[in-house]
Amino acid sequence: MSRKIGIAVATTIVIVALIVCFVPFMGYLEKTPLSYEVINTHFEPGHSESSYVWDSPFGEPHLVIGRTPAEADVVIQNTDNEAGLFSVQFTFYNGWINRTYFYEENAMIKLGENATIRCESPLTSLDDDHWWDYEVVPGTKTTYRRVSLLDYLLHH
């Protein structure tokens, strides 16, 4: 008789342990980044046309003579099922004066649509001493996720 009770208790413990470990019944909200794809990048050097005033974020605007401003473009497609704010952090490096410039531009992109995020560059052209780079920072969305009690206790 005690053997049957022991088997019943052990079976009950195993079933409860399996339920606690694998059945998703806990839920929580989490922020996840929006999904996206970079479609294209482009750097358009300045052209020898006329003078313009460059609004430097590091000080007073100053006159640049003889060239139109160069521009860097990043084309992003929002592949998520929600619209969201996407930021592009641009980095420009001028090797002649060993200076790095940082800029950030933002765009609200509807689901499934593309947007060109453009930044004026302090560089007039690119070569071995002058380069640019970018990093896309997608917006976030809040999703509800169901997990097992074990997963919740281990990760939250």
C-alpha atoms as a PDB file:
ATOM      1  CA  MET A   1       0.000   0.000   0.000  1.00  0.00           C
ATOM      2  CA  SER A   2       2.753   2.489   0.892  1.00  0.00           C
ATOM      3  CA  ARG A   3       4.474   1.656  -2.385  1.00  0.00           C
ATOM      4  CA  LYS A   4       1.346   2.668  -4.333  1.00  0.00           C
ATOM      5  CA  ILE A   5       1.125   5.925  -2.358  1.00  0.00           C
ATOM      6  CA  GLY A   6       4.816   6.617  -3.054  1.00  0.00           C
ATOM      7  CA  ILE A   7       4.309   6.048  -6.799  1.00  0.00           C
ATOM      8  CA  ALA A   8       1.239   8.309  -6.770  1.00  0.00           C
ATOM      9  CA  VAL A   9       3.105  11.074  -4.908  1.00  0.00           C
ATOM     10  CA  ALA A  10       6.151  10.798  -7.204  1.00  0.00           C
ATOM     11  CA  THR A  11       3.925  10.881 -10.304  1.00  0.00           C
ATOM     12  CA  THR A  12       2.097  13.951  -8.962  1.00  0.00           C
ATOM     13  CA  ILE A  13       5.417  15.717  -8.258  1.00  0.00           C
ATOM     14  CA  VAL A  14       6.688  14.950 -11.775  1.00  0.00           C
ATOM     15  CA  ILE A  15       3.464  16.210 -13.383  1.00  0.00           C
ATOM     16  CA  VAL A  16       3.494  19.427 -11.316  1.00  0.00           C
ATOM     17  CA  ALA A  17       7.188  19.956 -12.126  1.00  0.00           C
ATOM     18  CA  LEU A  18       6.515  19.527 -15.856  1.00  0.00           C
ATOM     19  CA  ILE A  19       3.627  21.987 -15.710  1.00  0.00           C
ATOM     20  CA  VAL A  20       5.693  24.572 -13.794  1.00  0.00           C
ATOM     21  CA  CYS A  21       8.652  24.180 -16.160  1.00  0.00           C
ATOM     22  CA  PHE A  22       6.982  24.030 -19.553  1.00  0.00           C
ATOM     23  CA  VAL A  23       3.375  25.273 -19.577  1.00  0.00           C
ATOM     24  CA  PRO A  24       3.238  29.005 -20.365  1.00  0.00           C
ATOM     25  CA  PHE A  25       0.845  30.617 -17.921  1.00  0.00           C
ATOM     26  CA  MET A  26       2.775  33.660 -16.730  1.00  0.00           C
ATOM     27  CA  GLY A  27       2.721  36.792 -18.831  1.00  0.00           C
ATOM     28  CA  TYR A  28       4.616  40.055 -18.909  1.00  0.00           C
ATOM     29  CA  LEU A  29       5.093  43.066 -21.133  1.00  0.00           C
ATOM     30  CA  GLU A  30       8.434  43.561 -22.838  1.00  0.00           C
ATOM     31  CA  LYS A  31       9.878  46.184 -25.151  1.00  0.00           C
ATOM     32  CA  THR A  32      11.250  44.814 -28.389  1.00  0.00           C
ATOM     33  CA  PRO A  33      12.948  46.737 -31.206  1.00  0.00           C
ATOM     34  CA  LEU A  34      11.085  47.316 -34.431  1.00  0.00           C
ATOM     35  CA  SER A  35      12.361  45.219 -37.317  1.00  0.00           C
ATOM     36  CA  TYR A  36      13.847  47.003 -40.321  1.00  0.00           C
ATOM     37  CA  GLU A  37      16.064  46.587 -43.338  1.00  0.00           C
ATOM     38  CA  VAL A  38      18.648  49.012 -44.687  1.00  0.00           C
ATOM     39  CA  ILE A  39      17.829  49.245 -48.396  1.00  0.00           C
ATOM     40  CA  ASN A  40      20.614  51.557 -49.542  1.00  0.00           C
ATOM     41  CA  THR A  41      23.353  53.915 -48.378  1.00  0.00           C
ATOM     42  CA  HIS A  42      24.850  56.718 -50.408  1.00  0.00           C
ATOM     43  CA  PHE A  43      27.360  59.538 -49.999  1.00  0.00           C
ATOM     44  CA  GLU A  44      27.012  62.484 -52.349  1.00  0.00           C
ATOM     45  CA  PRO A  45      30.163  64.637 -52.359  1.00  0.00           C
ATOM     46  CA  GLY A  46      29.859  68.393 -52.459  1.00  0.00           C
ATOM     47  CA  HIS A  47      29.902  70.055 -55.866  1.00  0.00           C
ATOM     48  CA  SER A  48      31.938  73.052 -56.956  1.00  0.00           C
ATOM     49  CA  GLU A  49      29.090  75.451 -57.546  1.00  0.00           C
ATOM     50  CA  SER A  50      28.809  78.255 -55.056  1.00  0.00           C
ATOM     51  CA  SER A  51      29.224  79.167 -51.427  1.00  0.00           C
ATOM     52  CA  TYR A  52      26.879  78.199 -48.621  1.00  0.00           C
ATOM     53  CA  VAL A  53      26.588  78.651 -44.878  1.00  0.00           C
ATOM     54  CA  TRP A  54      27.191  75.471 -42.888  1.00  0.00           C
ATOM     55  CA  ASP A  55      25.326  75.358 -39.570  1.00  0.00           C
ATOM     56  CA  SER A  56      27.868  73.540 -37.449  1.00  0.00           C
ATOM     57  CA  PRO A  57      26.441  71.907 -34.316  1.00  0.00           C
ATOM     58  CA  PHE A  58      29.773  72.643 -32.621  1.00  0.00           C
ATOM     59  CA  GLY A  59      29.734  76.408 -32.827  1.00  0.00           C
ATOM     60  CA  GLU A  60      28.879  79.362 -34.986  1.00  0.00           C
ATOM     61  CA  PRO A  61      27.727  78.863 -38.564  1.00  0.00           C
ATOM     62  CA  HIS A  62      30.493  79.552 -41.058  1.00  0.00           C
ATOM     63  CA  LEU A  63      30.753  80.212 -44.754  1.00  0.00           C
ATOM     64  CA  VAL A  64      32.099  77.446 -46.967  1.00  0.00           C
ATOM     65  CA  ILE A  65      33.179  78.831 -50.311  1.00  0.00           C
ATOM     66  CA  GLY A  66      33.095  76.977 -53.583  1.00  0.00           C
ATOM     67  CA  ARG A  67      31.255  73.753 -52.716  1.00  0.00           C
ATOM     68  CA  THR A  68      27.724  72.704 -51.958  1.00  0.00           C
ATOM     69  CA  PRO A  69      27.400  70.533 -48.866  1.00  0.00           C
ATOM     70  CA  ALA A  70      28.038  66.824 -49.115  1.00  0.00           C
ATOM     71  CA  GLU A  71      25.258  64.518 -47.947  1.00  0.00           C
ATOM     72  CA  ALA A  72      25.064  60.999 -46.582  1.00  0.00           C
ATOM     73  CA  ASP A  73      21.839  59.033 -47.079  1.00  0.00           C
ATOM     74  CA  VAL A  74      20.543  55.859 -45.444  1.00  0.00           C
ATOM     75  CA  VAL A  75      17.342  54.332 -46.846  1.00  0.00           C
ATOM     76  CA  ILE A  76      15.449  52.256 -44.269  1.00  0.00           C
ATOM     77  CA  GLN A  77      12.429  50.028 -44.794  1.00  0.00           C
ATOM     78  CA  ASN A  78      10.195  49.379 -41.794  1.00  0.00           C
ATOM     79  CA  THR A  79       9.514  45.619 -42.015  1.00  0.00           C
ATOM     80  CA  ASP A  80       7.620  45.505 -38.724  1.00  0.00           C
ATOM     81  CA  ASN A  81       3.850  45.438 -38.266  1.00  0.00           C
ATOM     82  CA  GLU A  82       3.888  48.812 -36.472  1.00  0.00           C
ATOM     83  CA  ALA A  83       4.963  52.318 -37.395  1.00  0.00           C
ATOM     84  CA  GLY A  84       7.812  53.736 -35.373  1.00  0.00           C
ATOM     85  CA  LEU A  85      10.584  56.253 -34.900  1.00  0.00           C
ATOM     86  CA  PHE A  86      13.941  55.268 -36.374  1.00  0.00           C
ATOM     87  CA  SER A  87      17.173  57.113 -35.633  1.00  0.00           C
ATOM     88  CA  VAL A  88      20.354  57.039 -37.665  1.00  0.00           C
ATOM     89  CA  GLN A  89      23.560  57.991 -35.908  1.00  0.00           C
ATOM     90  CA  PHE A  90      26.032  59.287 -38.508  1.00  0.00           C
ATOM     91  CA  THR A  91      29.780  59.351 -37.945  1.00  0.00           C
ATOM     92  CA  PHE A  92      32.136  61.336 -40.192  1.00  0.00           C
ATOM     93  CA  TYR A  93      35.908  61.249 -39.863  1.00  0.00           C
ATOM     94  CA  ASN A  94      38.343  63.817 -41.236  1.00  0.00           C
ATOM     95  CA  GLY A  95      41.815  62.283 -41.178  1.00  0.00           C
ATOM     96  CA  TRP A  96      43.589  65.479 -42.183  1.00  0.00           C
ATOM     97  CA  ILE A  97      42.712  67.130 -38.883  1.00  0.00           C
ATOM     98  CA  ASN A  98      42.025  63.883 -36.955  1.00  0.00           C
ATOM     99  CA  ARG A  99      38.482  64.884 -36.037  1.00  0.00           C
ATOM    100  CA  THR A 100      35.327  62.804 -35.740  1.00  0.00           C
ATOM    101  CA  TYR A 101      31.863  64.354 -36.138  1.00  0.00           C
ATOM    102  CA  PHE A 102      28.666  62.781 -34.806  1.00  0.00           C
ATOM    103  CA  TYR A 103      25.115  63.576 -35.912  1.00  0.00           C
ATOM    104  CA  GLU A 104      21.728  62.005 -35.352  1.00  0.00           C
ATOM    105  CA  GLU A 105      18.712  62.258 -37.630  1.00  0.00           C
ATOM    106  CA  ASN A 106      15.257  60.747 -37.032  1.00  0.00           C
ATOM    107  CA  ALA A 107      12.296  59.697 -39.138  1.00  0.00           C
ATOM    108  CA  MET A 108       8.869  58.278 -38.351  1.00  0.00           C
ATOM    109  CA  ILE A 109       8.365  55.367 -40.762  1.00  0.00           C
ATOM    110  CA  LYS A 110       4.987  53.743 -41.348  1.00  0.00           C
ATOM    111  CA  LEU A 111       4.783  49.970 -41.553  1.00  0.00           C
ATOM    112  CA  GLY A 112       6.058  48.592 -44.844  1.00  0.00           C
ATOM    113  CA  GLU A 113       7.299  51.985 -46.050  1.00  0.00           C
ATOM    114  CA  ASN A 114      10.773  53.303 -46.858  1.00  0.00           C
ATOM    115  CA  ALA A 115      12.322  56.526 -45.672  1.00  0.00           C
ATOM    116  CA  THR A 116      15.530  58.258 -46.681  1.00  0.00           C
ATOM    117  CA  ILE A 117      17.310  59.690 -43.676  1.00  0.00           C
ATOM    118  CA  ARG A 118      19.763  62.329 -44.844  1.00  0.00           C
ATOM    119  CA  CYS A 119      22.533  64.186 -43.066  1.00  0.00           C
ATOM    120  CA  GLU A 120      24.726  67.032 -44.291  1.00  0.00           C
ATOM    121  CA  SER A 121      28.353  66.042 -44.019  1.00  0.00           C
ATOM    122  CA  PRO A 122      31.264  68.175 -42.844  1.00  0.00           C
ATOM    123  CA  LEU A 123      33.364  66.216 -45.379  1.00  0.00           C
ATOM    124  CA  THR A 124      33.483  67.345 -48.988  1.00  0.00           C
ATOM    125  CA  SER A 125      34.551  63.964 -50.380  1.00  0.00           C
ATOM    126  CA  LEU A 126      35.662  60.483 -49.333  1.00  0.00           C
ATOM    127  CA  ASP A 127      39.103  58.878 -49.591  1.00  0.00           C
ATOM    128  CA  ASP A 128      41.449  56.885 -47.358  1.00  0.00           C
ATOM    129  CA  ASP A 129      41.639  59.779 -44.873  1.00  0.00           C
ATOM    130  CA  HIS A 130      37.934  60.665 -44.901  1.00  0.00           C
ATOM    131  CA  TRP A 131      35.167  58.173 -44.183  1.00  0.00           C
ATOM    132  CA  TRP A 132      31.641  57.922 -42.883  1.00  0.00           C
ATOM    133  CA  ASP A 133      29.605  55.280 -41.105  1.00  0.00           C
ATOM    134  CA  TYR A 134      26.152  54.941 -39.600  1.00  0.00           C
ATOM    135  CA  GLU A 135      24.185  52.993 -37.024  1.00  0.00           C
ATOM    136  CA  VAL A 136      20.420  52.508 -37.144  1.00  0.00           C
ATOM    137  CA  VAL A 137      18.609  52.650 -33.808  1.00  0.00           C
ATOM    138  CA  PRO A 138      15.063  51.373 -34.267  1.00  0.00           C
ATOM    139  CA  GLY A 139      12.189  52.405 -32.070  1.00  0.00           C
ATOM    140  CA  THR A 140      10.608  49.907 -29.701  1.00  0.00           C
ATOM    141  CA  LYS A 141       7.184  48.379 -29.321  1.00  0.00           C
ATOM    142  CA  THR A 142       5.566  46.768 -26.309  1.00  0.00           C
ATOM    143  CA  THR A 143       4.508  43.146 -26.690  1.00  0.00           C
ATOM    144  CA  TYR A 144       2.866  40.700 -24.309  1.00  0.00           C
ATOM    145  CA  ARG A 145       4.801  37.490 -23.861  1.00  0.00           C
ATOM    146  CA  ARG A 146       3.579  34.325 -22.136  1.00  0.00           C
ATOM    147  CA  VAL A 147       6.205  32.147 -20.446  1.00  0.00           C
ATOM    148  CA  SER A 148       6.405  29.288 -18.003  1.00  0.00           C
ATOM    149  CA  LEU A 149       6.936  29.976 -14.332  1.00  0.00           C
ATOM    150  CA  LEU A 150      10.449  28.529 -14.544  1.00  0.00           C
ATOM    151  CA  ASP A 151      11.385  30.773 -17.493  1.00  0.00           C
ATOM    152  CA  TYR A 152       9.951  33.805 -15.714  1.00  0.00           C
ATOM    153  CA  LEU A 153      11.874  33.036 -12.495  1.00  0.00           C
ATOM    154  CA  LEU A 154      15.137  32.406 -14.343  1.00  0.00           C
ATOM    155  CA  HIS A 155      15.083  35.452 -16.627  1.00  0.00           C
ATOM    156  CA  HIS A 156      13.148  38.203 -14.862  1.00  0.00           C
END
